[in-house]
Amino acid sequence: MQVVAEASNGLDAVRRIEELLPDIALTDLSMPGMNGVEIARQAKKVSPSTRVVILSAYGDKEYVREALQAGVCGYLLKKIEMPSLVASLRLVMAGEMVWDSECAQSALAAPASGASDRSGGIELPHPREMEVLRMAARGRVNKEIALKLGISQRTVQTHLLNTYRKLGVDNRASAVLCAVKQGWIGLDELT
């Protein structure tokens, strides 16, 4: 691992991401000028391949949900030990998402709803698409999913893209969040 740049504020962080196209951008949630969630949104525009991980002192579910919706690959609390942080960044490089367990449970808790229509007007993914999404929610990368289901990685990607389209999202984290909110995936299925 190599640190290629540091930034003292959000605007500078986005400029450096655009200039250097890093593999990972590790950002604080509270940055002057632009918060970590907005940095993630802007990074997606200027360097779509850069994976954003937020490091924060705040584990509030609203912050974590915003980060998920922005497409970050991880949300970790600052209390994390350095070896765990390094291991988490390596997981992100391998295509997995990393979440502080306290934050994930709080943010992904399905909202109480008396509505009988659990889809909320969203087109339901096909059973195979849901199977792929469930495995993705457990942090499995496309290669692992393909091997487990006996399908190609391209087919896994197609299932995920179809699911994103149906849910009106553009990334894995947002699809998982949506599925949890709809009650299609339970918190017990995320481990």
N, C-alpha and C. Protein backbone atom coordinates (compact mmCIF):
# COMPACT_ATOMS: atom_id res chain seq x y z
N MET A 1 0.84 -1.17 0.00
CA MET A 1 0.00 0.00 0.00
C MET A 1 0.88 1.23 0.00
N GLN A 2 0.40 2.23 -0.71
CA GLN A 2 1.15 3.47 -0.78
C GLN A 2 0.19 4.64 -0.70
N VAL A 3 0.46 5.59 0.17
CA VAL A 3 -0.33 6.82 0.24
C VAL A 3 0.18 7.72 -0.88
N VAL A 4 -0.71 8.10 -1.79
CA VAL A 4 -0.29 8.92 -2.93
C VAL A 4 -0.60 10.39 -2.74
N ALA A 5 -1.50 10.70 -1.78
CA ALA A 5 -1.83 12.11 -1.53
C ALA A 5 -2.59 12.24 -0.23
N GLU A 6 -2.58 13.44 0.30
CA GLU A 6 -3.39 13.80 1.45
C GLU A 6 -4.10 15.09 1.10
N ALA A 7 -5.25 15.32 1.74
CA ALA A 7 -6.01 16.54 1.49
C ALA A 7 -6.52 17.09 2.81
N SER A 8 -6.54 18.40 2.93
CA SER A 8 -6.98 19.02 4.18
C SER A 8 -8.46 19.41 4.15
N ASN A 9 -9.07 19.34 2.97
CA ASN A 9 -10.50 19.65 2.88
C ASN A 9 -11.14 18.84 1.75
N GLY A 10 -12.46 18.83 1.72
CA GLY A 10 -13.18 18.01 0.75
C GLY A 10 -12.93 18.39 -0.70
N LEU A 11 -12.89 19.67 -0.98
CA LEU A 11 -12.66 20.11 -2.37
C LEU A 11 -11.30 19.66 -2.87
N ASP A 12 -10.29 19.80 -2.00
CA ASP A 12 -8.95 19.36 -2.36
C ASP A 12 -8.91 17.85 -2.55
N ALA A 13 -9.66 17.12 -1.72
CA ALA A 13 -9.71 15.66 -1.85
C ALA A 13 -10.26 15.26 -3.21
N VAL A 14 -11.33 15.89 -3.64
CA VAL A 14 -11.92 15.56 -4.95
C VAL A 14 -10.96 15.91 -6.07
N ARG A 15 -10.27 17.06 -5.96
CA ARG A 15 -9.27 17.43 -6.99
C ARG A 15 -8.17 16.39 -7.08
N ARG A 16 -7.70 15.92 -5.93
CA ARG A 16 -6.61 14.93 -5.93
C ARG A 16 -7.09 13.58 -6.47
N ILE A 17 -8.33 13.22 -6.15
CA ILE A 17 -8.89 11.97 -6.69
C ILE A 17 -8.96 12.06 -8.20
N GLU A 18 -9.43 13.19 -8.71
CA GLU A 18 -9.52 13.36 -10.17
C GLU A 18 -8.15 13.34 -10.83
N GLU A 19 -7.18 13.95 -10.19
CA GLU A 19 -5.83 14.04 -10.74
C GLU A 19 -5.08 12.71 -10.68
N LEU A 20 -5.19 12.00 -9.54
CA LEU A 20 -4.36 10.82 -9.31
C LEU A 20 -5.07 9.49 -9.57
N LEU A 21 -6.41 9.49 -9.61
CA LEU A 21 -7.20 8.27 -9.84
C LEU A 21 -6.76 7.12 -8.91
N PRO A 22 -6.78 7.35 -7.60
CA PRO A 22 -6.32 6.31 -6.68
C PRO A 22 -7.26 5.11 -6.65
N ASP A 23 -6.74 3.98 -6.21
CA ASP A 23 -7.58 2.79 -6.07
C ASP A 23 -8.60 2.99 -4.95
N ILE A 24 -8.13 3.59 -3.84
CA ILE A 24 -9.00 3.82 -2.69
C ILE A 24 -8.83 5.26 -2.22
N ALA A 25 -9.94 5.87 -1.83
CA ALA A 25 -9.90 7.17 -1.16
C ALA A 25 -10.46 6.95 0.24
N LEU A 26 -9.63 7.13 1.23
CA LEU A 26 -10.04 7.00 2.63
C LEU A 26 -10.29 8.41 3.13
N THR A 27 -11.53 8.70 3.47
CA THR A 27 -11.88 10.06 3.85
C THR A 27 -12.63 10.10 5.17
N ASP A 28 -12.47 11.20 5.86
CA ASP A 28 -13.21 11.43 7.09
C ASP A 28 -14.63 11.83 6.68
N LEU A 29 -15.59 11.53 7.52
CA LEU A 29 -16.96 11.98 7.26
C LEU A 29 -17.04 13.50 7.38
N SER A 30 -16.35 14.06 8.35
CA SER A 30 -16.40 15.51 8.59
C SER A 30 -15.15 16.18 8.03
N MET A 31 -15.26 16.63 6.81
CA MET A 31 -14.16 17.35 6.18
C MET A 31 -14.60 18.80 5.96
N PRO A 32 -13.71 19.76 6.12
CA PRO A 32 -14.08 21.14 5.81
C PRO A 32 -14.41 21.29 4.32
N GLY A 33 -15.44 22.05 4.04
CA GLY A 33 -15.78 22.36 2.64
C GLY A 33 -16.68 21.35 1.97
N MET A 34 -16.56 20.09 2.32
CA MET A 34 -17.37 19.04 1.69
C MET A 34 -17.23 17.79 2.56
N ASN A 35 -18.35 17.20 2.97
CA ASN A 35 -18.24 16.03 3.84
C ASN A 35 -17.89 14.77 3.05
N GLY A 36 -17.58 13.71 3.77
CA GLY A 36 -17.15 12.47 3.14
C GLY A 36 -18.17 11.85 2.20
N VAL A 37 -19.45 12.01 2.51
CA VAL A 37 -20.49 11.47 1.64
C VAL A 37 -20.48 12.20 0.30
N GLU A 38 -20.37 13.52 0.35
CA GLU A 38 -20.33 14.30 -0.90
C GLU A 38 -19.04 14.02 -1.66
N ILE A 39 -17.94 13.82 -0.94
CA ILE A 39 -16.69 13.43 -1.60
C ILE A 39 -16.91 12.13 -2.37
N ALA A 40 -17.60 11.17 -1.76
CA ALA A 40 -17.88 9.89 -2.43
C ALA A 40 -18.69 10.11 -3.71
N ARG A 41 -19.70 10.96 -3.62
CA ARG A 41 -20.53 11.25 -4.81
C ARG A 41 -19.69 11.88 -5.92
N GLN A 42 -18.86 12.84 -5.55
CA GLN A 42 -18.04 13.51 -6.54
C GLN A 42 -16.96 12.58 -7.09
N ALA A 43 -16.40 11.74 -6.23
CA ALA A 43 -15.37 10.80 -6.67
C ALA A 43 -15.93 9.86 -7.73
N LYS A 44 -17.18 9.44 -7.55
CA LYS A 44 -17.81 8.55 -8.53
C LYS A 44 -17.87 9.20 -9.91
N LYS A 45 -18.02 10.52 -9.93
CA LYS A 45 -18.09 11.25 -11.20
C LYS A 45 -16.72 11.43 -11.84
N VAL A 46 -15.73 11.76 -11.03
CA VAL A 46 -14.41 12.09 -11.59
C VAL A 46 -13.48 10.89 -11.71
N SER A 47 -13.75 9.84 -10.94
CA SER A 47 -12.91 8.63 -10.97
C SER A 47 -13.76 7.42 -10.56
N PRO A 48 -14.60 6.93 -11.47
CA PRO A 48 -15.53 5.86 -11.12
C PRO A 48 -14.89 4.60 -10.54
N SER A 49 -13.63 4.35 -10.84
CA SER A 49 -12.99 3.14 -10.33
C SER A 49 -12.44 3.32 -8.91
N THR A 50 -12.38 4.55 -8.42
CA THR A 50 -11.88 4.79 -7.06
C THR A 50 -12.91 4.31 -6.05
N ARG A 51 -12.47 3.48 -5.12
CA ARG A 51 -13.35 2.98 -4.06
C ARG A 51 -13.21 3.91 -2.85
N VAL A 52 -14.34 4.41 -2.37
CA VAL A 52 -14.31 5.35 -1.25
C VAL A 52 -14.68 4.62 0.04
N VAL A 53 -13.86 4.83 1.06
CA VAL A 53 -14.12 4.30 2.39
C VAL A 53 -14.16 5.50 3.34
N ILE A 54 -15.22 5.57 4.14
CA ILE A 54 -15.35 6.66 5.10
C ILE A 54 -14.90 6.18 6.47
N LEU A 55 -14.09 7.00 7.10
CA LEU A 55 -13.63 6.77 8.46
C LEU A 55 -14.26 7.87 9.30
N SER A 56 -15.00 7.50 10.33
CA SER A 56 -15.78 8.50 11.05
C SER A 56 -15.82 8.24 12.55
N ALA A 57 -16.07 9.31 13.28
CA ALA A 57 -16.33 9.19 14.72
C ALA A 57 -17.81 8.96 14.96
N TYR A 58 -18.62 9.12 13.91
CA TYR A 58 -20.07 9.05 14.04
C TYR A 58 -20.62 7.76 13.45
N GLY A 59 -21.37 7.03 14.25
CA GLY A 59 -21.98 5.79 13.78
C GLY A 59 -23.48 5.92 13.61
N ASP A 60 -24.00 7.15 13.59
CA ASP A 60 -25.44 7.37 13.46
C ASP A 60 -25.96 6.76 12.16
N LYS A 61 -27.14 6.12 12.26
CA LYS A 61 -27.68 5.42 11.10
C LYS A 61 -27.91 6.34 9.92
N GLU A 62 -28.23 7.61 10.15
CA GLU A 62 -28.46 8.52 9.03
C GLU A 62 -27.19 8.72 8.21
N TYR A 63 -26.07 8.88 8.91
CA TYR A 63 -24.79 9.05 8.21
C TYR A 63 -24.44 7.80 7.40
N VAL A 64 -24.64 6.65 8.03
CA VAL A 64 -24.28 5.40 7.36
C VAL A 64 -25.18 5.17 6.14
N ARG A 65 -26.46 5.44 6.28
CA ARG A 65 -27.38 5.27 5.15
C ARG A 65 -27.01 6.21 4.01
N GLU A 66 -26.69 7.45 4.34
CA GLU A 66 -26.27 8.40 3.29
C GLU A 66 -25.03 7.88 2.57
N ALA A 67 -24.10 7.34 3.35
CA ALA A 67 -22.86 6.81 2.76
C ALA A 67 -23.17 5.63 1.84
N LEU A 68 -24.05 4.74 2.29
CA LEU A 68 -24.46 3.61 1.45
C LEU A 68 -25.07 4.09 0.15
N GLN A 69 -25.96 5.06 0.25
CA GLN A 69 -26.63 5.57 -0.94
C GLN A 69 -25.65 6.27 -1.88
N ALA A 70 -24.58 6.81 -1.33
CA ALA A 70 -23.57 7.47 -2.16
C ALA A 70 -22.65 6.45 -2.83
N GLY A 71 -22.75 5.18 -2.43
CA GLY A 71 -21.97 4.13 -3.08
C GLY A 71 -20.60 3.88 -2.49
N VAL A 72 -20.39 4.25 -1.21
CA VAL A 72 -19.09 3.98 -0.62
C VAL A 72 -18.89 2.47 -0.47
N CYS A 73 -17.66 2.08 -0.38
CA CYS A 73 -17.33 0.66 -0.23
C CYS A 73 -17.10 0.28 1.23
N GLY A 74 -17.14 1.28 2.10
CA GLY A 74 -16.94 0.98 3.51
C GLY A 74 -17.22 2.18 4.39
N TYR A 75 -17.58 1.85 5.62
CA TYR A 75 -17.83 2.88 6.64
C TYR A 75 -17.29 2.30 7.94
N LEU A 76 -16.21 2.89 8.43
CA LEU A 76 -15.53 2.39 9.61
C LEU A 76 -15.44 3.48 10.66
N LEU A 77 -15.50 3.09 11.91
CA LEU A 77 -15.36 4.05 12.99
C LEU A 77 -13.88 4.26 13.32
N LYS A 78 -13.56 5.46 13.77
CA LYS A 78 -12.17 5.82 14.04
C LYS A 78 -11.54 5.00 15.16
N LYS A 79 -12.34 4.31 15.93
CA LYS A 79 -11.79 3.49 17.01
C LYS A 79 -11.12 2.22 16.47
N ILE A 80 -11.19 1.99 15.17
CA ILE A 80 -10.61 0.79 14.56
C ILE A 80 -9.09 0.77 14.77
N GLU A 81 -8.58 -0.41 15.07
CA GLU A 81 -7.12 -0.58 15.24
C GLU A 81 -6.46 -0.57 13.86
N MET A 82 -5.22 -0.10 13.80
CA MET A 82 -4.52 0.02 12.52
C MET A 82 -4.45 -1.30 11.74
N PRO A 83 -4.13 -2.44 12.37
CA PRO A 83 -4.11 -3.69 11.59
C PRO A 83 -5.48 -4.02 10.98
N SER A 84 -6.54 -3.71 11.70
CA SER A 84 -7.89 -3.96 11.17
C SER A 84 -8.21 -3.01 10.03
N LEU A 85 -7.75 -1.77 10.14
CA LEU A 85 -7.97 -0.81 9.06
C LEU A 85 -7.25 -1.27 7.79
N VAL A 86 -6.01 -1.67 7.93
CA VAL A 86 -5.24 -2.16 6.78
C VAL A 86 -5.92 -3.39 6.17
N ALA A 87 -6.36 -4.31 7.01
CA ALA A 87 -7.04 -5.51 6.51
C ALA A 87 -8.34 -5.12 5.80
N SER A 88 -9.05 -4.15 6.33
CA SER A 88 -10.29 -3.70 5.70
C SER A 88 -10.02 -3.09 4.33
N LEU A 89 -8.97 -2.31 4.21
CA LEU A 89 -8.63 -1.70 2.93
C LEU A 89 -8.23 -2.77 1.91
N ARG A 90 -7.57 -3.81 2.37
CA ARG A 90 -7.22 -4.91 1.46
C ARG A 90 -8.48 -5.63 0.97
N LEU A 91 -9.46 -5.78 1.86
CA LEU A 91 -10.74 -6.38 1.45
C LEU A 91 -11.43 -5.53 0.41
N VAL A 92 -11.40 -4.22 0.60
CA VAL A 92 -12.01 -3.32 -0.38
C VAL A 92 -11.30 -3.46 -1.73
N MET A 93 -9.99 -3.58 -1.72
CA MET A 93 -9.24 -3.78 -2.97
C MET A 93 -9.62 -5.10 -3.63
N ALA A 94 -10.03 -6.08 -2.84
CA ALA A 94 -10.44 -7.38 -3.39
C ALA A 94 -11.90 -7.35 -3.87
N GLY A 95 -12.55 -6.19 -3.76
CA GLY A 95 -13.90 -6.06 -4.26
C GLY A 95 -14.99 -6.22 -3.22
N GLU A 96 -14.61 -6.30 -1.96
CA GLU A 96 -15.62 -6.45 -0.91
C GLU A 96 -15.95 -5.11 -0.28
N MET A 97 -17.05 -5.09 0.46
CA MET A 97 -17.45 -3.90 1.20
C MET A 97 -17.14 -4.16 2.67
N VAL A 98 -16.77 -3.11 3.38
CA VAL A 98 -16.45 -3.25 4.80
C VAL A 98 -17.26 -2.24 5.60
N TRP A 99 -17.86 -2.74 6.70
CA TRP A 99 -18.72 -1.89 7.53
C TRP A 99 -18.44 -2.18 8.98
N ASP A 100 -18.36 -1.16 9.78
CA ASP A 100 -18.32 -1.35 11.22
C ASP A 100 -19.60 -2.06 11.60
N SER A 101 -19.51 -3.13 12.38
CA SER A 101 -20.69 -3.94 12.68
C SER A 101 -21.78 -3.17 13.40
N GLU A 102 -21.40 -2.28 14.32
CA GLU A 102 -22.40 -1.49 15.04
C GLU A 102 -23.18 -0.60 14.07
N CYS A 103 -22.46 0.04 13.18
CA CYS A 103 -23.08 0.96 12.23
C CYS A 103 -23.99 0.20 11.27
N ALA A 104 -23.53 -0.92 10.78
CA ALA A 104 -24.31 -1.68 9.81
C ALA A 104 -25.62 -2.14 10.40
N GLN A 105 -25.59 -2.66 11.61
CA GLN A 105 -26.83 -3.14 12.23
C GLN A 105 -27.81 -2.01 12.45
N SER A 106 -27.31 -0.87 12.86
CA SER A 106 -28.18 0.28 13.10
C SER A 106 -28.77 0.80 11.79
N ALA A 107 -27.93 0.96 10.78
CA ALA A 107 -28.37 1.56 9.53
C ALA A 107 -29.24 0.64 8.70
N LEU A 108 -29.00 -0.66 8.78
CA LEU A 108 -29.73 -1.58 7.93
C LEU A 108 -30.98 -2.14 8.59
N ALA A 109 -31.25 -1.74 9.81
CA ALA A 109 -32.47 -2.21 10.47
C ALA A 109 -33.66 -1.77 9.64
N ALA A 110 -34.46 -2.74 9.21
CA ALA A 110 -35.60 -2.43 8.35
C ALA A 110 -36.58 -1.54 9.10
N PRO A 111 -37.04 -0.47 8.46
CA PRO A 111 -38.00 0.40 9.13
C PRO A 111 -39.31 -0.31 9.35
N ALA A 112 -39.95 0.01 10.48
CA ALA A 112 -41.26 -0.60 10.75
C ALA A 112 -42.24 -0.08 9.73
N SER A 113 -43.05 -0.97 9.20
CA SER A 113 -44.02 -0.58 8.19
C SER A 113 -45.24 -1.46 8.30
N GLY A 114 -46.39 -0.82 8.28
CA GLY A 114 -47.63 -1.58 8.32
C GLY A 114 -48.13 -1.93 6.93
N ALA A 115 -47.41 -1.49 5.93
CA ALA A 115 -47.87 -1.73 4.55
C ALA A 115 -47.73 -3.19 4.21
N SER A 116 -48.73 -3.71 3.53
CA SER A 116 -48.67 -5.12 3.15
C SER A 116 -47.86 -5.31 1.88
N ASP A 117 -47.76 -4.28 1.04
CA ASP A 117 -46.97 -4.38 -0.18
C ASP A 117 -45.52 -4.05 0.16
N ARG A 118 -44.70 -5.05 0.33
CA ARG A 118 -43.33 -4.84 0.78
C ARG A 118 -42.43 -4.34 -0.33
N SER A 119 -42.90 -4.36 -1.57
CA SER A 119 -42.05 -3.91 -2.66
C SER A 119 -42.06 -2.39 -2.78
N GLY A 120 -43.06 -1.71 -2.21
CA GLY A 120 -43.12 -0.26 -2.29
C GLY A 120 -43.11 0.25 -3.71
N GLY A 121 -43.67 -0.50 -4.64
CA GLY A 121 -43.72 -0.08 -6.03
C GLY A 121 -42.46 -0.41 -6.81
N ILE A 122 -41.51 -1.05 -6.19
CA ILE A 122 -40.26 -1.42 -6.85
C ILE A 122 -40.46 -2.77 -7.54
N GLU A 123 -39.91 -2.90 -8.74
CA GLU A 123 -40.00 -4.17 -9.45
C GLU A 123 -39.16 -5.21 -8.71
N LEU A 124 -39.77 -6.34 -8.41
CA LEU A 124 -39.08 -7.40 -7.67
C LEU A 124 -38.04 -8.10 -8.54
N PRO A 125 -36.85 -8.30 -8.00
CA PRO A 125 -35.85 -9.08 -8.73
C PRO A 125 -36.31 -10.54 -8.86
N HIS A 126 -35.87 -11.21 -9.91
CA HIS A 126 -36.16 -12.63 -10.09
C HIS A 126 -35.45 -13.43 -8.99
N PRO A 127 -35.89 -14.66 -8.73
CA PRO A 127 -35.26 -15.46 -7.67
C PRO A 127 -33.74 -15.60 -7.81
N ARG A 128 -33.25 -15.81 -9.02
CA ARG A 128 -31.81 -15.96 -9.21
C ARG A 128 -31.10 -14.63 -8.93
N GLU A 129 -31.71 -13.52 -9.31
CA GLU A 129 -31.14 -12.22 -9.03
C GLU A 129 -31.07 -11.98 -7.52
N MET A 130 -32.11 -12.39 -6.82
CA MET A 130 -32.11 -12.25 -5.35
C MET A 130 -31.04 -13.13 -4.72
N GLU A 131 -30.84 -14.32 -5.27
CA GLU A 131 -29.82 -15.22 -4.75
C GLU A 131 -28.43 -14.58 -4.89
N VAL A 132 -28.19 -13.97 -6.05
CA VAL A 132 -26.92 -13.29 -6.28
C VAL A 132 -26.79 -12.08 -5.34
N LEU A 133 -27.87 -11.32 -5.19
CA LEU A 133 -27.84 -10.15 -4.31
C LEU A 133 -27.59 -10.55 -2.85
N ARG A 134 -28.20 -11.64 -2.42
CA ARG A 134 -27.96 -12.11 -1.04
C ARG A 134 -26.49 -12.46 -0.82
N MET A 135 -25.90 -13.11 -1.80
CA MET A 135 -24.48 -13.46 -1.67
C MET A 135 -23.61 -12.20 -1.69
N ALA A 136 -23.98 -11.24 -2.52
CA ALA A 136 -23.26 -9.97 -2.57
C ALA A 136 -23.39 -9.24 -1.23
N ALA A 137 -24.56 -9.34 -0.61
CA ALA A 137 -24.80 -8.69 0.69
C ALA A 137 -23.90 -9.29 1.77
N ARG A 138 -23.50 -10.53 1.59
CA ARG A 138 -22.61 -11.20 2.55
C ARG A 138 -21.15 -10.87 2.28
N GLY A 139 -20.91 -9.99 1.30
CA GLY A 139 -19.54 -9.58 0.99
C GLY A 139 -18.83 -10.44 -0.02
N ARG A 140 -19.55 -11.34 -0.69
CA ARG A 140 -18.92 -12.21 -1.68
C ARG A 140 -18.64 -11.43 -2.96
N VAL A 141 -17.48 -11.62 -3.52
CA VAL A 141 -17.14 -10.98 -4.79
C VAL A 141 -17.72 -11.81 -5.93
N ASN A 142 -17.79 -11.21 -7.11
CA ASN A 142 -18.43 -11.87 -8.26
C ASN A 142 -17.83 -13.24 -8.56
N LYS A 143 -16.53 -13.37 -8.44
CA LYS A 143 -15.87 -14.65 -8.73
C LYS A 143 -16.38 -15.74 -7.77
N GLU A 144 -16.47 -15.40 -6.49
CA GLU A 144 -16.96 -16.37 -5.50
C GLU A 144 -18.42 -16.76 -5.78
N ILE A 145 -19.23 -15.77 -6.11
CA ILE A 145 -20.64 -16.03 -6.41
C ILE A 145 -20.75 -16.95 -7.61
N ALA A 146 -19.98 -16.66 -8.63
CA ALA A 146 -20.00 -17.48 -9.84
C ALA A 146 -19.63 -18.93 -9.55
N LEU A 147 -18.57 -19.13 -8.78
CA LEU A 147 -18.14 -20.48 -8.44
C LEU A 147 -19.21 -21.21 -7.63
N LYS A 148 -19.77 -20.53 -6.65
CA LYS A 148 -20.77 -21.14 -5.78
C LYS A 148 -22.03 -21.54 -6.55
N LEU A 149 -22.45 -20.69 -7.49
CA LEU A 149 -23.69 -20.95 -8.23
C LEU A 149 -23.48 -21.70 -9.54
N GLY A 150 -22.22 -21.92 -9.91
CA GLY A 150 -21.94 -22.64 -11.15
C GLY A 150 -22.31 -21.84 -12.39
N ILE A 151 -22.10 -20.53 -12.33
CA ILE A 151 -22.38 -19.66 -13.47
C ILE A 151 -21.14 -18.81 -13.74
N SER A 152 -21.13 -18.10 -14.85
CA SER A 152 -19.97 -17.27 -15.18
C SER A 152 -20.01 -15.95 -14.41
N GLN A 153 -18.85 -15.32 -14.30
CA GLN A 153 -18.79 -14.02 -13.65
C GLN A 153 -19.60 -12.99 -14.44
N ARG A 154 -19.62 -13.15 -15.75
CA ARG A 154 -20.41 -12.24 -16.59
C ARG A 154 -21.89 -12.37 -16.26
N THR A 155 -22.36 -13.59 -16.01
CA THR A 155 -23.76 -13.81 -15.66
C THR A 155 -24.06 -13.19 -14.29
N VAL A 156 -23.13 -13.31 -13.36
CA VAL A 156 -23.29 -12.67 -12.04
C VAL A 156 -23.45 -11.17 -12.24
N GLN A 157 -22.56 -10.58 -13.03
CA GLN A 157 -22.62 -9.14 -13.29
C GLN A 157 -23.95 -8.75 -13.94
N THR A 158 -24.43 -9.57 -14.87
CA THR A 158 -25.72 -9.30 -15.52
C THR A 158 -26.86 -9.32 -14.51
N HIS A 159 -26.85 -10.32 -13.63
CA HIS A 159 -27.88 -10.39 -12.59
C HIS A 159 -27.84 -9.15 -11.70
N LEU A 160 -26.65 -8.73 -11.32
CA LEU A 160 -26.52 -7.54 -10.48
C LEU A 160 -27.00 -6.29 -11.21
N LEU A 161 -26.61 -6.13 -12.46
CA LEU A 161 -27.03 -4.96 -13.23
C LEU A 161 -28.55 -4.93 -13.42
N ASN A 162 -29.15 -6.10 -13.66
CA ASN A 162 -30.61 -6.16 -13.77
C ASN A 162 -31.27 -5.76 -12.46
N THR A 163 -30.69 -6.22 -11.36
CA THR A 163 -31.22 -5.87 -10.03
C THR A 163 -31.10 -4.38 -9.78
N TYR A 164 -29.95 -3.80 -10.11
CA TYR A 164 -29.76 -2.36 -9.94
C TYR A 164 -30.83 -1.59 -10.71
N ARG A 165 -31.05 -2.00 -11.96
CA ARG A 165 -32.04 -1.32 -12.80
C ARG A 165 -33.43 -1.39 -12.16
N LYS A 166 -33.80 -2.57 -11.70
CA LYS A 166 -35.13 -2.77 -11.11
C LYS A 166 -35.30 -1.95 -9.83
N LEU A 167 -34.23 -1.82 -9.07
CA LEU A 167 -34.32 -1.10 -7.80
C LEU A 167 -34.06 0.40 -7.95
N GLY A 168 -33.63 0.80 -9.13
CA GLY A 168 -33.36 2.22 -9.35
C GLY A 168 -32.10 2.70 -8.66
N VAL A 169 -31.10 1.83 -8.58
CA VAL A 169 -29.82 2.17 -7.94
C VAL A 169 -28.69 1.91 -8.93
N ASP A 170 -27.47 2.31 -8.56
CA ASP A 170 -26.37 2.10 -9.49
C ASP A 170 -25.14 1.43 -8.86
N ASN A 171 -25.35 0.83 -7.69
CA ASN A 171 -24.21 0.13 -7.09
C ASN A 171 -24.68 -0.93 -6.10
N ARG A 172 -23.77 -1.79 -5.74
CA ARG A 172 -24.04 -2.94 -4.88
C ARG A 172 -24.54 -2.52 -3.50
N ALA A 173 -23.87 -1.55 -2.90
CA ALA A 173 -24.25 -1.13 -1.55
C ALA A 173 -25.68 -0.59 -1.51
N SER A 174 -26.04 0.21 -2.50
CA SER A 174 -27.40 0.76 -2.54
C SER A 174 -28.43 -0.33 -2.78
N ALA A 175 -28.09 -1.32 -3.59
CA ALA A 175 -29.00 -2.44 -3.84
C ALA A 175 -29.24 -3.24 -2.57
N VAL A 176 -28.18 -3.49 -1.82
CA VAL A 176 -28.30 -4.22 -0.55
C VAL A 176 -29.15 -3.42 0.42
N LEU A 177 -28.88 -2.13 0.54
CA LEU A 177 -29.65 -1.28 1.45
C LEU A 177 -31.14 -1.31 1.08
N CYS A 178 -31.43 -1.19 -0.21
CA CYS A 178 -32.81 -1.23 -0.66
C CYS A 178 -33.47 -2.57 -0.32
N ALA A 179 -32.76 -3.65 -0.55
CA ALA A 179 -33.31 -4.98 -0.27
C ALA A 179 -33.57 -5.17 1.22
N VAL A 180 -32.69 -4.63 2.06
CA VAL A 180 -32.88 -4.74 3.50
C VAL A 180 -34.09 -3.90 3.92
N LYS A 181 -34.17 -2.68 3.39
CA LYS A 181 -35.30 -1.80 3.71
C LYS A 181 -36.63 -2.43 3.30
N GLN A 182 -36.64 -3.15 2.18
CA GLN A 182 -37.86 -3.78 1.69
C GLN A 182 -38.18 -5.06 2.47
N GLY A 183 -37.21 -5.53 3.25
CA GLY A 183 -37.43 -6.76 4.00
C GLY A 183 -37.12 -8.02 3.21
N TRP A 184 -36.51 -7.87 2.04
CA TRP A 184 -36.18 -9.03 1.20
C TRP A 184 -34.95 -9.75 1.74
N ILE A 185 -34.08 -9.01 2.42
CA ILE A 185 -32.88 -9.57 3.02
C ILE A 185 -32.90 -9.17 4.49
N GLY A 186 -32.75 -10.15 5.36
CA GLY A 186 -32.73 -9.88 6.79
C GLY A 186 -31.31 -9.63 7.27
N LEU A 187 -31.20 -8.95 8.41
CA LEU A 187 -29.88 -8.68 8.97
C LEU A 187 -29.10 -9.96 9.24
N ASP A 188 -29.82 -11.04 9.59
CA ASP A 188 -29.15 -12.30 9.85
C ASP A 188 -28.51 -12.90 8.60
N GLU A 189 -28.93 -12.44 7.42
CA GLU A 189 -28.38 -12.95 6.17
C GLU A 189 -27.11 -12.22 5.77
N LEU A 190 -26.75 -11.16 6.48
CA LEU A 190 -25.59 -10.37 6.11
C LEU A 190 -24.29 -10.92 6.68
N THR A 191 -24.39 -11.97 7.50
CA THR A 191 -23.16 -12.52 8.08
C THR A 191 -22.85 -13.87 7.51
